Protein backbone atom coordinates (compact mmCIF):
# COMPACT_ATOMS: atom_id res chain seq x y z
CA MET A 1 -186.22 76.96 66.46
CA LYS A 2 -183.33 79.27 67.31
CA THR A 3 -182.89 82.85 66.18
CA THR A 4 -179.84 84.86 67.19
CA LEU A 5 -180.25 88.64 67.39
CA VAL A 6 -177.18 90.56 66.27
CA LEU A 7 -176.30 93.95 67.78
CA PHE A 8 -176.16 96.56 65.02
CA GLN A 9 -173.58 99.31 65.45
CA THR A 10 -173.98 102.84 64.18
CA VAL A 11 -171.74 105.82 63.69
CA LEU A 12 -171.93 106.57 67.44
CA LEU A 13 -170.34 103.30 68.35
CA THR A 14 -167.70 103.80 65.68
CA LEU A 15 -166.81 107.13 67.27
CA LEU A 16 -166.53 105.61 70.69
CA VAL A 17 -164.21 102.76 69.81
CA GLY A 18 -161.56 104.33 67.63
CA ILE A 19 -159.75 107.57 66.93
CA SER A 20 -160.18 107.20 63.19
CA SER A 21 -163.95 107.43 63.46
CA THR A 22 -165.93 110.45 62.31
CA PRO A 23 -166.69 112.80 65.24
CA LEU A 24 -170.29 113.48 66.17
CA THR A 25 -171.47 116.58 64.30
CA LEU A 26 -173.05 119.47 66.13
CA SER A 27 -176.21 121.04 64.86
CA ALA A 28 -175.58 124.20 62.87
CA PRO A 29 -174.84 127.28 64.99
CA GLN A 30 -177.80 129.64 65.23
CA SER A 31 -175.79 132.85 65.20
CA GLU A 32 -172.27 134.16 64.88
CA GLU A 33 -171.96 134.22 68.68
CA GLU A 34 -172.23 130.43 68.69
CA GLU A 35 -169.53 129.73 66.15
CA PHE A 36 -166.53 127.91 67.56
CA ASP A 37 -164.09 129.62 65.23
CA HIS A 38 -162.54 132.00 67.77
CA TYR A 39 -161.86 132.22 71.50
CA TRP A 40 -164.81 133.81 73.25
CA SER A 41 -164.35 136.62 75.74
CA TYR A 42 -165.92 136.40 79.18
CA LEU A 43 -168.68 138.82 78.14
CA GLU A 44 -169.37 136.87 74.96
CA MET A 45 -169.57 133.63 76.93
CA SER A 46 -171.90 135.23 79.48
CA ASP A 47 -174.27 136.52 76.80
CA VAL A 48 -174.40 133.20 74.98
CA LEU A 49 -174.96 131.18 78.17
CA LYS A 50 -177.82 133.48 79.17
CA ARG A 51 -179.44 133.06 75.77
CA TRP A 52 -178.93 129.30 75.63
CA CYS A 53 -180.44 128.81 79.08
CA THR A 54 -183.40 131.01 78.15
CA GLU A 55 -184.02 129.16 74.89
CA HIS A 56 -183.60 125.76 76.57
CA GLY A 57 -185.02 126.58 79.99
CA ASP A 58 -186.73 123.21 80.21
CA ILE A 59 -183.36 121.43 80.47
CA ALA A 60 -180.84 124.15 81.45
CA LYS A 61 -180.43 126.54 84.35
CA LEU A 62 -177.82 129.30 84.62
CA VAL A 63 -176.59 130.02 88.14
CA SER A 64 -173.97 132.37 89.57
CA ILE A 65 -172.04 130.43 92.19
CA GLY A 66 -170.01 133.45 93.31
CA ARG A 67 -168.09 136.53 92.21
CA THR A 68 -164.40 136.97 91.52
CA TYR A 69 -162.15 139.59 93.09
CA GLU A 70 -162.75 141.82 90.05
CA GLY A 71 -166.51 141.33 90.30
CA ARG A 72 -167.20 138.85 87.52
CA GLU A 73 -169.92 136.27 88.00
CA LEU A 74 -168.77 132.66 88.21
CA TRP A 75 -171.32 131.06 85.89
CA ALA A 76 -172.47 127.48 86.31
CA VAL A 77 -174.92 125.72 84.00
CA LYS A 78 -176.97 122.80 85.25
CA ILE A 79 -178.30 120.52 82.50
CA SER A 80 -180.94 117.91 83.33
CA ASP A 81 -184.45 117.01 82.26
CA TYR A 82 -185.82 118.89 85.30
CA PRO A 83 -183.03 121.36 86.12
CA GLU A 84 -184.98 123.10 88.89
CA LEU A 85 -185.29 119.86 90.84
CA GLU A 86 -182.63 117.82 92.55
CA ASP A 87 -182.74 114.26 91.17
CA ASP A 88 -185.64 115.48 88.96
CA GLY A 89 -188.31 114.12 91.27
CA GLY A 90 -188.08 110.64 89.76
CA LEU A 91 -187.99 107.28 91.47
CA GLU A 92 -184.25 106.85 91.05
CA GLU A 93 -181.41 109.18 91.99
CA GLU A 94 -179.67 110.60 88.96
CA PRO A 95 -175.86 110.70 89.05
CA ASP A 96 -174.31 114.15 89.40
CA VAL A 97 -171.39 115.10 87.13
CA LEU A 98 -169.08 118.13 87.41
CA ILE A 99 -167.37 119.60 84.32
CA MET A 100 -164.88 122.44 84.83
CA GLY A 101 -162.69 124.52 82.55
CA ALA A 102 -160.12 127.34 82.73
CA HIS A 103 -158.65 127.01 86.20
CA HIS A 104 -155.71 128.73 84.51
CA GLY A 105 -156.10 131.99 82.63
CA ASN A 106 -153.73 131.18 79.76
CA GLU A 107 -155.40 127.86 78.84
CA TRP A 108 -158.04 129.23 76.50
CA ILE A 109 -159.01 125.95 74.81
CA SER A 110 -159.95 124.60 78.26
CA TYR A 111 -163.10 126.73 78.44
CA MET A 112 -164.06 126.39 74.78
CA VAL A 113 -164.41 122.60 75.05
CA PRO A 114 -166.95 122.72 77.94
CA LEU A 115 -168.91 125.36 76.00
CA TYR A 116 -168.95 123.04 72.99
CA LEU A 117 -170.25 120.20 75.18
CA ILE A 118 -173.03 122.41 76.57
CA HIS A 119 -173.95 123.34 73.00
CA PHE A 120 -174.04 119.69 71.96
CA LEU A 121 -176.43 118.68 74.74
CA LEU A 122 -178.78 121.66 74.42
CA HIS A 123 -179.03 121.76 70.64
CA ASN A 124 -179.38 118.00 70.11
CA TYR A 125 -181.75 117.15 72.96
CA GLY A 126 -184.91 115.55 71.62
CA SER A 127 -183.63 115.52 68.05
CA PRO A 128 -183.70 112.50 65.73
CA GLY A 129 -180.57 110.60 64.84
CA VAL A 130 -177.57 109.46 66.81
CA ASN A 131 -176.67 112.88 68.21
CA GLY A 132 -180.20 113.38 69.48
CA THR A 133 -180.39 109.96 71.07
CA VAL A 134 -177.12 110.39 72.93
CA ALA A 135 -177.86 113.94 74.09
CA THR A 136 -181.37 112.99 75.20
CA TYR A 137 -180.12 110.01 77.19
CA LEU A 138 -177.45 112.04 79.01
CA VAL A 139 -179.81 114.91 79.80
CA ASP A 140 -182.62 112.61 80.97
CA HIS A 141 -180.41 110.37 83.13
CA ARG A 142 -177.75 112.70 84.54
CA GLU A 143 -177.49 116.02 86.36
CA ILE A 144 -174.51 117.70 84.71
CA TRP A 145 -173.03 120.87 86.17
CA PHE A 146 -170.72 122.90 83.93
CA VAL A 147 -168.42 125.64 85.24
CA PRO A 148 -166.76 126.45 81.93
CA MET A 149 -164.59 129.34 83.18
CA VAL A 150 -163.45 128.87 86.79
CA ASN A 151 -160.96 131.75 86.48
CA PRO A 152 -162.57 134.54 84.42
CA ASP A 153 -160.32 137.26 85.88
CA GLY A 154 -157.24 135.34 84.84
CA VAL A 155 -158.66 134.57 81.40
CA GLU A 156 -159.44 138.22 80.69
CA TYR A 157 -156.05 139.36 81.95
CA SER A 158 -154.44 136.76 79.71
CA ARG A 159 -156.53 137.92 76.75
CA GLN A 160 -155.94 141.64 77.24
CA THR A 161 -152.58 142.06 78.95
CA ASP A 162 -150.34 139.03 79.44
CA ARG A 163 -151.04 135.92 77.38
CA GLY A 164 -148.98 133.76 79.70
CA TRP A 165 -150.92 134.76 82.84
CA ARG A 166 -151.99 131.64 84.77
CA LYS A 167 -153.32 132.70 88.18
CA ASN A 168 -156.36 134.68 89.30
CA ARG A 169 -156.00 138.41 89.95
CA GLU A 170 -156.43 138.76 93.69
CA PRO A 171 -153.62 140.86 95.26
CA ASN A 172 -151.04 139.42 97.67
CA TYR A 173 -149.52 141.49 100.47
CA LEU A 174 -146.37 140.97 102.49
CA SER A 175 -148.18 141.59 105.77
CA GLN A 176 -151.61 140.51 106.88
CA ARG A 177 -151.65 142.41 110.19
CA GLY A 178 -151.07 145.99 111.23
CA PRO A 179 -149.88 147.24 114.65
CA SER A 180 -153.29 146.54 116.14
CA GLY A 181 -153.08 142.90 115.10
CA GLU A 182 -156.04 143.33 112.76
CA PHE A 183 -156.00 142.87 109.01
CA GLU A 184 -154.39 145.97 107.59
CA PRO A 185 -152.74 145.31 104.23
CA ASP A 186 -150.06 147.46 102.72
CA LEU A 187 -151.29 150.02 100.25
CA VAL A 188 -149.29 148.46 97.43
CA PRO A 189 -149.64 144.72 96.78
CA PHE A 190 -146.43 142.75 96.61
CA SER A 191 -147.84 140.56 93.81
CA TYR A 192 -151.06 139.36 92.24
CA GLY A 193 -152.75 136.03 91.88
CA THR A 194 -153.06 132.51 93.23
CA ASP A 195 -152.82 129.32 91.19
CA LEU A 196 -156.38 128.04 91.63
CA ASN A 197 -155.36 124.47 90.91
CA ARG A 198 -152.97 124.57 93.89
CA ASN A 199 -155.54 126.13 96.22
CA TYR A 200 -157.58 123.04 97.18
CA PRO A 201 -156.79 121.79 100.71
CA TRP A 202 -155.70 118.20 100.08
CA HIS A 203 -152.06 117.86 101.13
CA TRP A 204 -151.97 121.59 100.49
CA GLY A 205 -148.62 123.36 100.53
CA GLU A 206 -146.51 120.25 101.08
CA LEU A 207 -144.23 121.28 98.24
CA GLY A 208 -143.70 124.71 99.82
CA GLY A 209 -144.18 128.03 98.08
CA SER A 210 -146.84 129.51 100.39
CA ASP A 211 -144.47 132.13 101.82
CA PRO A 212 -145.75 135.59 100.73
CA TYR A 213 -142.28 136.39 99.41
CA LEU A 214 -142.81 133.57 96.89
CA SER A 215 -146.24 134.79 95.80
CA ARG A 216 -144.92 135.99 92.45
CA SER A 217 -144.52 132.35 91.39
CA PRO A 218 -147.03 131.21 88.71
CA THR A 219 -147.87 128.22 90.93
CA TYR A 220 -148.31 130.18 94.19
CA PRO A 221 -150.85 128.12 96.23
CA GLY A 222 -152.07 130.98 98.40
CA PRO A 223 -151.33 131.91 102.03
CA PRO A 224 -151.34 129.44 104.92
CA ASP A 225 -154.38 129.14 107.17
CA ASN A 226 -153.41 130.75 110.49
CA LYS A 227 -156.78 130.27 112.12
CA ASP A 228 -157.58 127.96 115.01
CA ASP A 229 -160.21 126.12 112.98
CA ASP A 230 -160.95 123.42 115.56
CA GLY A 231 -160.92 125.68 118.64
CA ASP A 232 -158.18 123.89 120.57
CA ALA A 233 -156.00 126.99 120.92
CA LEU A 234 -153.40 125.57 118.56
CA ILE A 235 -152.64 127.17 115.21
CA PRO A 236 -150.43 126.19 112.30
CA LEU A 237 -146.99 127.60 111.64
CA ASP A 238 -147.41 131.33 111.01
CA LEU A 239 -145.47 132.07 107.85
CA TRP A 240 -146.70 135.63 107.73
CA ASP A 241 -144.95 136.65 110.95
CA LYS A 242 -142.19 134.03 110.57
CA LYS A 243 -143.06 132.30 113.84
CA THR A 244 -141.37 128.96 114.33
CA PRO A 245 -143.32 126.66 116.69
CA LEU A 246 -141.22 125.20 119.49
CA GLY A 247 -144.02 123.08 120.90
CA PRO A 248 -147.82 122.74 121.14
CA GLU A 249 -148.09 125.97 123.11
CA ASP A 250 -146.53 127.85 120.18
CA GLY A 251 -148.88 126.41 117.58
CA VAL A 252 -148.59 123.34 115.39
CA ASP A 253 -149.98 122.25 112.04
CA GLU A 254 -151.98 119.62 113.85
CA ASP A 255 -154.59 118.21 111.45
CA PRO A 256 -154.35 119.34 107.81
CA VAL A 257 -156.66 118.00 105.12
CA ASP A 258 -155.09 114.64 104.29
CA GLY A 259 -157.64 112.07 105.44
CA ILE A 260 -155.67 111.26 108.60
CA ASP A 261 -156.43 112.01 112.26
CA ASN A 262 -153.04 113.65 112.74
CA ASP A 263 -153.64 114.92 116.28
CA GLY A 264 -155.45 111.81 117.56
CA ASP A 265 -158.58 113.61 118.73
CA GLY A 266 -161.03 111.38 116.88
CA MET A 267 -161.73 113.98 114.19
CA VAL A 268 -160.21 114.17 110.72
CA ASP A 269 -158.97 117.21 108.79
CA GLU A 270 -160.52 119.74 111.17
CA ASP A 271 -157.62 122.22 111.16
CA PRO A 272 -156.54 122.92 107.55
CA ASN A 273 -153.11 124.40 106.98
CA GLY A 274 -154.22 126.25 103.83
CA GLY A 275 -156.35 126.20 100.73
CA PHE A 276 -159.68 127.77 99.77
CA SER A 277 -158.16 131.22 100.16
CA THR A 278 -159.67 132.34 96.83
CA ARG A 279 -163.24 133.19 95.94
CA GLU A 280 -163.12 130.83 92.96
CA THR A 281 -162.11 127.66 94.82
CA ARG A 282 -164.56 128.42 97.62
CA ALA A 283 -167.31 128.64 95.01
CA ILE A 284 -166.34 125.21 93.67
CA ARG A 285 -166.23 123.88 97.24
CA ASP A 286 -169.76 125.13 97.93
CA LEU A 287 -171.06 123.66 94.66
CA VAL A 288 -169.50 120.26 95.44
CA GLU A 289 -170.84 120.23 98.99
CA ALA A 290 -174.35 121.05 97.72
CA ASN A 291 -174.39 118.10 95.31
CA SER A 292 -173.43 114.43 95.26
CA PHE A 293 -170.98 114.31 92.39
CA THR A 294 -169.71 110.88 91.42
CA LEU A 295 -167.49 111.91 88.50
CA SER A 296 -165.66 115.03 87.39
CA LEU A 297 -163.76 116.19 84.30
CA SER A 298 -161.51 119.26 84.63
CA TYR A 299 -160.22 120.56 81.31
CA HIS A 300 -156.72 122.05 81.04
CA SER A 301 -154.11 122.46 78.33
CA TYR A 302 -151.88 121.02 77.14
CA SER A 303 -150.42 117.49 76.54
CA GLU A 304 -153.23 115.25 75.15
CA LEU A 305 -153.51 113.33 78.41
CA VAL A 306 -156.21 111.99 80.72
CA ILE A 307 -154.83 112.32 84.25
CA TYR A 308 -156.08 110.70 87.44
CA PRO A 309 -155.06 110.95 91.16
CA TRP A 310 -152.83 111.07 92.99
CA GLY A 311 -150.80 114.09 91.98
CA TRP A 312 -149.20 114.70 95.39
CA THR A 313 -147.59 111.25 95.72
CA GLU A 314 -146.40 108.41 93.54
CA GLU A 315 -148.42 105.97 95.66
CA PRO A 316 -151.61 104.73 93.96
CA THR A 317 -155.09 105.42 95.26
CA GLU A 318 -157.15 102.58 96.67
CA ASP A 319 -159.16 102.75 93.42
CA ASP A 320 -156.11 102.84 91.18
CA LEU A 321 -157.23 99.98 88.92
CA THR A 322 -160.63 101.59 88.35
CA PHE A 323 -159.03 104.97 87.70
CA ARG A 324 -156.62 103.48 85.17
CA LYS A 325 -159.27 101.51 83.31
CA LEU A 326 -161.65 104.48 83.16
CA ALA A 327 -158.90 106.91 82.14
CA GLU A 328 -157.80 104.58 79.33
CA TYR A 329 -161.42 104.14 78.24
CA ILE A 330 -162.00 107.91 78.19
CA ALA A 331 -158.71 108.61 76.43
CA GLN A 332 -158.99 105.97 73.70
CA PRO A 333 -161.42 107.64 71.24
CA MET A 334 -159.46 110.90 71.52
CA GLY A 335 -156.07 109.32 70.91
CA TYR A 336 -154.89 110.64 74.28
CA ARG A 337 -152.72 108.83 76.84
CA ALA A 338 -153.83 107.97 80.40
CA ILE A 339 -151.41 108.54 83.29
CA GLN A 340 -151.39 109.12 87.04
CA GLY A 341 -150.89 112.80 87.84
CA TYR A 342 -147.64 112.26 89.73
CA ASP A 343 -146.13 110.66 86.62
CA LEU A 344 -146.48 113.99 84.78
CA TYR A 345 -145.13 116.06 87.69
CA GLN A 346 -145.82 116.27 91.40
CA THR A 347 -148.52 118.68 92.51
CA ASP A 348 -150.24 119.53 95.76
CA GLY A 349 -153.62 121.12 96.33
CA ASP A 350 -155.11 120.29 92.93
CA SER A 351 -158.81 119.79 92.32
CA ASP A 352 -158.66 116.11 91.38
CA ASP A 353 -156.85 115.07 94.55
CA TRP A 354 -159.25 117.09 96.72
CA LEU A 355 -162.39 115.84 94.95
CA TYR A 356 -161.32 112.22 95.32
CA GLY A 357 -159.60 112.47 98.72
CA VAL A 358 -162.38 114.37 100.49
CA HIS A 359 -165.52 113.51 98.49
CA HIS A 360 -164.60 110.24 96.74
CA VAL A 361 -165.40 111.70 93.34
CA PHE A 362 -163.78 109.92 90.40
CA ALA A 363 -162.02 113.05 89.19
CA PHE A 364 -160.01 113.32 85.97
CA THR A 365 -158.03 116.12 84.35
CA VAL A 366 -158.09 116.23 80.55
CA GLU A 367 -155.01 118.02 79.21
CA LEU A 368 -156.19 119.21 75.81
CA ALA A 369 -154.27 119.70 72.60
CA ARG A 370 -150.58 120.43 72.07
CA SER A 371 -150.41 124.05 73.17
CA TYR A 372 -152.09 126.38 75.67
CA ARG A 373 -153.95 128.22 72.94
CA PRO A 374 -154.19 126.19 69.72
CA PRO A 375 -154.94 128.12 66.51
CA GLU A 376 -158.55 129.25 66.38
CA GLU A 377 -159.28 127.12 63.32
CA GLU A 378 -158.58 124.03 65.50
CA ILE A 379 -161.04 124.87 68.29
CA GLU A 380 -163.97 122.95 66.82
CA SER A 381 -161.96 119.90 65.75
CA ILE A 382 -160.31 119.60 69.18
CA SER A 383 -163.71 119.96 70.85
CA ALA A 384 -165.30 117.36 68.56
CA VAL A 385 -162.51 114.88 69.29
CA ASN A 386 -163.10 115.32 73.02
CA LEU A 387 -166.85 114.76 72.69
CA GLY A 388 -166.33 111.00 72.58
CA GLY A 389 -164.33 111.00 75.82
CA PHE A 390 -166.96 113.15 77.52
CA ILE A 391 -169.75 110.75 76.51
CA ARG A 392 -167.78 107.77 77.74
CA ALA A 393 -166.98 109.38 81.07
CA VAL A 394 -170.53 110.56 81.80
CA SER A 395 -171.92 107.16 80.82
CA TYR A 396 -170.19 105.62 83.85
CA ALA A 397 -171.20 108.31 86.35
CA HIS A 398 -173.87 106.06 87.86
CA ASN A 399 -171.14 103.62 88.99
CA PRO A 400 -167.53 104.05 87.83
CA TYR A 401 -166.72 100.56 89.09
CA GLN A 402 -168.89 99.10 86.32
CA ILE A 403 -165.93 99.63 83.98
CA HIS A 404 -164.78 96.25 85.37
CA LEU A 405 -167.85 94.47 83.98
CA ASN A 406 -167.85 93.75 80.26
CA MET A 407 -171.48 93.07 79.37
CA SER A 408 -173.07 91.76 76.19
CA ILE A 409 -176.44 90.28 75.34
CA GLU A 410 -177.94 87.58 73.12
CA SER A 411 -181.60 86.82 72.49
CA ARG A 412 -183.29 83.81 70.94
CA MET A 413 -186.77 82.38 70.50
CA VAL A 414 -187.82 79.52 72.79
CA GLU A 415 -191.21 78.41 71.45
CA ASP A 416 -193.42 81.51 71.86
CA ARG A 417 -191.12 83.28 74.32
CA VAL A 418 -187.92 85.29 74.09
CA LYS A 419 -184.92 84.08 76.06
CA VAL A 420 -182.48 86.88 76.91
CA ILE A 421 -178.94 85.94 77.89
CA LEU A 422 -176.65 88.48 79.56
CA LYS A 423 -172.94 87.72 79.39
CA VAL A 424 -170.83 89.39 82.07
CA GLU A 425 -167.04 89.21 82.03
CA ASN A 426 -165.91 90.27 85.51
CA ASP A 427 -162.50 91.91 85.31
CA ARG A 428 -161.82 92.43 89.04
CA TYR A 429 -164.99 94.27 89.98
CA PRO A 430 -164.03 95.41 93.50
CA ILE A 431 -167.38 94.82 95.21
CA PRO A 432 -169.08 91.43 95.62
CA LEU A 433 -172.11 90.77 93.45
CA PRO A 434 -175.25 88.96 94.64
CA GLU A 435 -175.87 85.54 93.17
CA ASN A 436 -178.49 86.99 90.81
CA PRO A 437 -178.01 90.77 90.72
CA PHE A 438 -179.85 91.63 87.49
CA VAL A 439 -183.48 92.35 86.61
CA LEU A 440 -184.75 92.37 83.02
CA HIS A 441 -187.38 94.99 82.19
CA TRP A 442 -189.52 94.73 79.07
CA VAL A 443 -192.23 96.70 77.28
CA GLU A 444 -194.37 95.52 74.34
CA GLY A 445 -197.16 97.88 73.39
CA ASN A 446 -199.23 98.46 76.51
CA ALA A 447 -197.82 95.38 78.22
CA ARG A 448 -194.80 95.69 80.49
CA GLY A 449 -193.08 93.68 83.17
CA GLU A 450 -189.87 92.74 84.86
CA VAL A 451 -188.31 89.41 85.65
CA PRO A 452 -185.18 88.41 87.60
CA MET A 453 -182.28 87.12 85.56
CA VAL A 454 -181.02 83.83 86.95
CA ALA A 455 -177.46 82.58 86.76
CA ASP A 456 -177.19 79.96 84.02
CA GLY A 457 -173.64 78.68 84.07
CA THR A 458 -171.43 81.66 83.25
CA TYR A 459 -174.39 83.74 82.02
CA TYR A 460 -177.58 85.26 83.38
CA ALA A 461 -180.84 84.39 81.63
CA ALA A 462 -184.52 85.26 81.68
CA GLU A 463 -187.52 84.55 79.46
CA ILE A 464 -190.27 87.01 78.61
CA PRO A 465 -193.56 86.55 76.72
CA TRP A 466 -193.81 87.75 73.15
CA GLY A 467 -197.04 88.89 71.57
CA GLY A 468 -195.62 89.39 68.09
CA GLY A 469 -194.83 93.10 68.44
CA GLU A 470 -191.83 95.28 69.11
CA VAL A 471 -190.19 94.65 72.47
CA THR A 472 -188.12 97.13 74.45
CA LEU A 473 -185.68 95.70 76.97
CA TRP A 474 -183.26 97.08 79.54
CA ILE A 475 -181.38 95.57 82.45
CA ASP A 476 -180.48 96.97 85.85
CA GLY A 477 -179.25 95.64 89.17
CA LYS A 478 -177.12 96.40 92.22
CA ASP A 479 -173.97 95.06 93.81
CA LEU A 480 -173.85 94.15 97.51
CA GLU A 481 -173.08 97.77 98.47
CA GLY A 482 -176.06 99.08 96.53
CA ASN A 483 -174.16 100.55 93.58
CA PRO A 484 -176.33 100.46 90.44
CA LEU A 485 -175.51 98.26 87.46
CA ILE A 486 -177.05 99.25 84.14
CA TYR A 487 -177.05 97.78 80.64
CA PRO A 488 -176.78 99.04 78.01
CA LEU A 489 -174.93 102.31 78.50
CA VAL A 490 -174.67 105.11 76.02
CA GLY A 491 -171.32 104.54 74.37
CA GLU A 492 -171.53 100.79 74.88
CA ASP A 493 -172.99 98.25 72.45
CA GLY A 494 -176.63 99.18 72.18
CA GLY A 495 -176.30 102.55 73.84
CA GLY A 496 -177.69 105.53 72.02
CA ILE A 497 -179.22 103.58 69.14
CA ALA A 498 -182.39 104.85 67.48
CA VAL A 499 -185.34 102.70 66.45
CA VAL A 500 -185.15 101.47 62.86
CA GLU A 501 -187.67 99.30 61.07
CA PRO A 502 -186.31 96.13 59.40
CA SER A 503 -186.97 97.55 55.95
CA SER A 504 -184.72 100.54 56.63
CA ILE A 505 -181.76 98.70 58.16
CA SER A 506 -179.79 98.79 54.94
CA ALA A 507 -179.96 102.61 54.95
CA TRP A 508 -178.02 102.88 58.19
CA PRO A 509 -174.23 103.36 58.12
CA GLU A 510 -171.95 100.86 59.81
CA VAL A 511 -174.66 98.17 60.05
CA HIS A 512 -173.30 94.66 60.42
CA PHE A 513 -175.13 91.34 60.21
CA THR A 514 -174.20 87.75 59.47
CA LEU A 515 -176.84 85.23 58.31
CA SER A 516 -179.81 85.91 56.05
CA THR A 517 -182.08 84.49 58.72
CA VAL A 518 -180.80 86.94 61.30
CA VAL A 519 -182.82 90.12 61.36
CA ALA A 520 -183.01 92.35 64.42
CA MET A 521 -184.02 95.80 65.44
CA LEU A 522 -181.52 98.35 66.67
CA LEU A 523 -181.12 98.87 70.35
CA ILE A 524 -182.62 101.97 71.90
CA LEU A 525 -182.33 103.57 75.32
CA GLY A 526 -185.22 102.54 77.58
CA THR A 527 -187.69 104.90 79.17
CA VAL A 528 -186.26 104.55 82.68
CA TRP A 529 -182.59 103.64 82.67
CA GLY A 530 -182.14 103.55 78.97
CA GLY A 531 -182.43 100.24 77.18
CA PHE A 532 -182.69 98.70 73.79
CA THR A 533 -185.42 97.70 71.30
CA ILE A 534 -185.58 94.43 69.41
CA SER A 535 -188.06 93.30 66.78
CA LEU A 536 -188.65 89.58 66.34
CA ARG A 537 -191.51 89.49 63.87
CA HIS A 538 -189.39 89.50 60.73
CA ALA A 539 -186.94 86.99 62.11
CA VAL A 540 -189.69 84.53 63.01
CA ARG A 541 -191.29 84.91 59.56
CA MET A 542 -187.99 84.13 57.85
CA GLU A 543 -187.47 81.09 60.07
CA ARG A 544 -190.93 79.81 59.18
CA GLU A 545 -190.32 80.33 55.47
CA LYS A 546 -187.01 78.54 55.77
CA SER A 547 -188.64 75.57 57.54
CA GLN A 548 -191.17 75.24 54.70
CA MET A 549 -188.53 75.11 51.96
């Protein structure tokens, strides 16, 4: 007897595979403050975030990670099933994800999209249906940090005074030292603002522009670092006093943040030549150093692109293939295009390059929409389109390299047992896999167990007992470097699927099946890693009836 179980696909999967699919629908806003029909002010955002995190305190925590020059709190929201705990106290470490918006003051849509994503997770967690299943999985299996408005001073100045304003609002002076040699700025600033997305110290300032006389530029990266950071009595070139180093005794830019031991002292990047001169980027630095982020999305506008490192050079990263595959995967449901940052234009000191270069975070920039500030009536539709890309990205936070493994599953009856076959198409996974890397977990009523999956030709297979009830399955494993492998993922076949009884299958949209003898339950996320549920009872009964005909 042989029964094949077909994977049923719902609206969620339709969303995640094509741009023509219907976007996931948010639950109805609870008040006018939550309507995404206008661009929120900083104060409006602050009030709503405080209320959301009070109403959903079991899964959300609001934290100030610093203050801006003008005194505004830099709000961060942590969303997880136990937000007060790191890695929620469970047996497995949960992947950390960083979502940022509004590095630039004039890019208003770039903070509305992260706010929409926060709303989606909080207001759908624990709810029935596809939205609830997806939100619950992401909250229960990830620690997601949102900093929706990295540059609130710049945003408010753009809203109230100059719509094209890009930088923060910290003043720049022509001199940093008075006659005593101590900091003694001029009474009147020469200019205002630093481009926050040029103020991260990875190959910082290599394109120039850090001279204080150039600080009026919209892409001013901030002043150079004239401190002896490593204590060797050498300092970088002093642009403030126009000193030109003639040799080591006059100061050299000896070991900037570039991943190279430039001065040959056995240490790397210990004497930065600039970057982190602003309160905002230092706050992001401290947040990153306090967590173990594996993936980041930074929202900007505009261009409808998903951008990956490097931006400072045309050379690819060592993970270029993984970056390209993930960027294309994230971009596809949104109808966006994936490119390396340098191919758009060369940058230095941007957040993606720093996150990947220093912390090995798979960092992406999403350039939203077709203008800096799309019409207000488009805010919700643009946000909904980007929901699919967000779900796809966060699904791979446990191990971005898994994008190279195309997994699918088949199940069939073997006498009174269920044989589960895992197909794995390895498209250049960069880390060796053990001979048998996968373990199959199963739950049926009060019975549960796990069994290794053994290589069977080009597949992996395992058999589990069946007592005639509903069986929940999920698969996990590790590569030879200990990176986790999980199936299914939310956004993949079987991810985010709710339980449906056989009698109600026909009521589900986008359900596909082939033979009359093939009846299966929908896949559901497991209780640990997420997983999927199958029901065999109806299939076996139909096989028996068929054999008696």
